[in-house]
Amino acid sequence: MATSKETIAFLLKRLEPPERFLAKPMFGEYALYADGKPVALVCDDLLFVKILPASEELRPVCEQGPPYPGAKAHYVLDESQWSSVRTLPRILLALAASLPAPKAKKVRGKISGQ
């Protein structure tokens, strides 16, 4: 079951400040970005947050599971927790701050003489 656009809109309304969060479609599901860094996935209308020291605060209130078969475990939050975990935006921003900057994409040039 793919995540709906309405679910993503609902999630993004709960994340403040809104200009620091973005969801991008990915294979029928979504990746959630905070400050330009991927911090979570939204799969089957569930939020899967990366398990790192910056997200440790979620351990007592969340189950853990993989967003898809073969993936590492993440903290799993359902829609009711998106509002009840009041510190979720702060946790996601702290998680983004703890991640390395995205690598610059290599620009491929044309091969001359062909």
Protein backbone atom coordinates (compact mmCIF):
# COMPACT_ATOMS: atom_id res chain seq x y z
CA MET A 1 0.00 0.00 0.00
CA ALA A 2 1.60 3.25 -1.11
CA THR A 3 1.55 6.35 1.05
CA SER A 4 -1.00 8.95 -0.09
CA LYS A 5 -0.29 12.59 -0.83
CA GLU A 6 -2.86 13.45 1.85
CA THR A 7 -0.80 11.58 4.45
CA ILE A 8 2.32 13.53 3.48
CA ALA A 9 0.40 16.83 3.65
CA PHE A 10 -0.89 15.86 7.12
CA LEU A 11 2.65 15.04 8.31
CA LEU A 12 4.21 18.20 6.91
CA LYS A 13 1.54 20.35 8.65
CA ARG A 14 2.80 18.98 11.98
CA LEU A 15 6.45 19.83 11.36
CA GLU A 16 7.57 23.33 12.29
CA PRO A 17 9.13 25.41 10.90
CA PRO A 18 7.69 24.16 7.59
CA GLU A 19 10.44 25.62 5.39
CA ARG A 20 12.96 23.24 6.99
CA PHE A 21 11.07 20.07 5.99
CA LEU A 22 10.43 18.49 2.60
CA ALA A 23 9.04 15.16 1.42
CA LYS A 24 10.12 13.72 -1.92
CA PRO A 25 8.38 10.83 -3.67
CA MET A 26 10.45 7.67 -3.97
CA PHE A 27 9.16 4.41 -5.50
CA GLY A 28 5.55 4.98 -4.39
CA GLU A 29 6.64 6.06 -0.92
CA TYR A 30 8.40 9.19 0.38
CA ALA A 31 11.70 10.30 1.86
CA LEU A 32 11.46 13.01 4.52
CA TYR A 33 14.19 15.65 4.54
CA ALA A 34 15.10 18.09 7.30
CA ASP A 35 17.47 20.89 6.32
CA GLY A 36 18.15 19.07 3.05
CA LYS A 37 19.21 15.79 4.67
CA PRO A 38 17.20 12.54 4.61
CA VAL A 39 16.07 11.78 8.18
CA ALA A 40 13.11 9.45 7.69
CA LEU A 41 10.99 7.48 5.27
CA VAL A 42 7.21 7.42 5.02
CA CYS A 43 6.06 3.97 3.94
CA ASP A 44 2.53 2.55 4.15
CA ASP A 45 1.44 5.72 6.00
CA LEU A 46 4.01 5.13 8.78
CA LEU A 47 6.97 7.35 9.62
CA PHE A 48 10.29 5.49 9.88
CA VAL A 49 12.92 7.64 11.64
CA LYS A 50 16.61 6.73 11.48
CA ILE A 51 17.98 5.23 14.70
CA LEU A 52 20.94 7.39 15.74
CA PRO A 53 21.97 9.04 19.02
CA ALA A 54 20.10 12.22 17.98
CA SER A 55 16.82 10.27 17.79
CA GLU A 56 17.35 8.27 21.01
CA GLU A 57 14.47 10.18 22.67
CA LEU A 58 12.05 8.15 20.53
CA ARG A 59 13.18 4.78 21.96
CA PRO A 60 10.70 4.64 24.89
CA VAL A 61 7.68 5.70 22.82
CA CYS A 62 8.20 3.92 19.50
CA GLU A 63 8.40 0.42 18.16
CA GLN A 64 11.27 -0.46 15.86
CA GLY A 65 11.09 -2.06 12.45
CA PRO A 66 12.38 -1.88 8.88
CA PRO A 67 10.59 0.37 6.36
CA TYR A 68 11.01 -2.34 3.69
CA PRO A 69 12.42 -5.89 3.59
CA GLY A 70 16.17 -5.96 4.07
CA ALA A 71 16.40 -2.41 5.50
CA LYS A 72 17.91 -1.48 8.85
CA ALA A 73 15.52 -0.99 11.74
CA HIS A 74 14.05 2.48 12.26
CA TYR A 75 11.80 4.00 14.91
CA VAL A 76 8.23 3.56 13.69
CA LEU A 77 5.60 6.25 14.33
CA ASP A 78 1.98 6.00 13.25
CA GLU A 79 -0.20 9.03 12.44
CA SER A 80 -1.41 9.43 16.03
CA GLN A 81 2.19 9.79 17.24
CA TRP A 82 2.98 12.53 14.70
CA SER A 83 1.00 14.91 16.91
CA SER A 84 1.45 13.28 20.32
CA VAL A 85 5.27 13.30 20.17
CA ARG A 86 5.50 17.08 20.51
CA THR A 87 9.29 17.09 20.17
CA LEU A 88 9.26 15.30 16.78
CA PRO A 89 10.29 18.37 14.72
CA ARG A 90 13.16 19.11 17.12
CA ILE A 91 14.29 15.46 17.01
CA LEU A 92 14.25 15.42 13.20
CA LEU A 93 16.22 18.67 13.01
CA ALA A 94 18.76 17.36 15.53
CA LEU A 95 19.05 14.20 13.47
CA ALA A 96 19.72 16.28 10.34
CA ALA A 97 22.38 18.29 12.19
CA SER A 98 24.12 15.05 13.18
CA LEU A 99 24.30 13.74 9.62
CA PRO A 100 27.10 14.61 7.19
CA ALA A 101 26.45 17.06 4.39
CA PRO A 102 25.19 15.43 1.19
CA LYS A 103 27.95 14.58 -1.27
CA ALA A 104 28.13 16.80 -4.32
CA LYS A 105 26.97 15.10 -7.47
CA LYS A 106 29.62 14.59 -10.12
CA VAL A 107 29.00 16.37 -13.40
CA ARG A 108 29.59 14.12 -16.34
CA GLY A 109 30.97 15.79 -19.39
CA LYS A 110 30.53 14.72 -22.98
CA ILE A 111 33.35 12.78 -24.58
CA SER A 112 34.80 14.88 -27.34
CA GLY A 113 35.65 13.50 -30.74
CA GLN A 114 32.74 11.11 -31.05
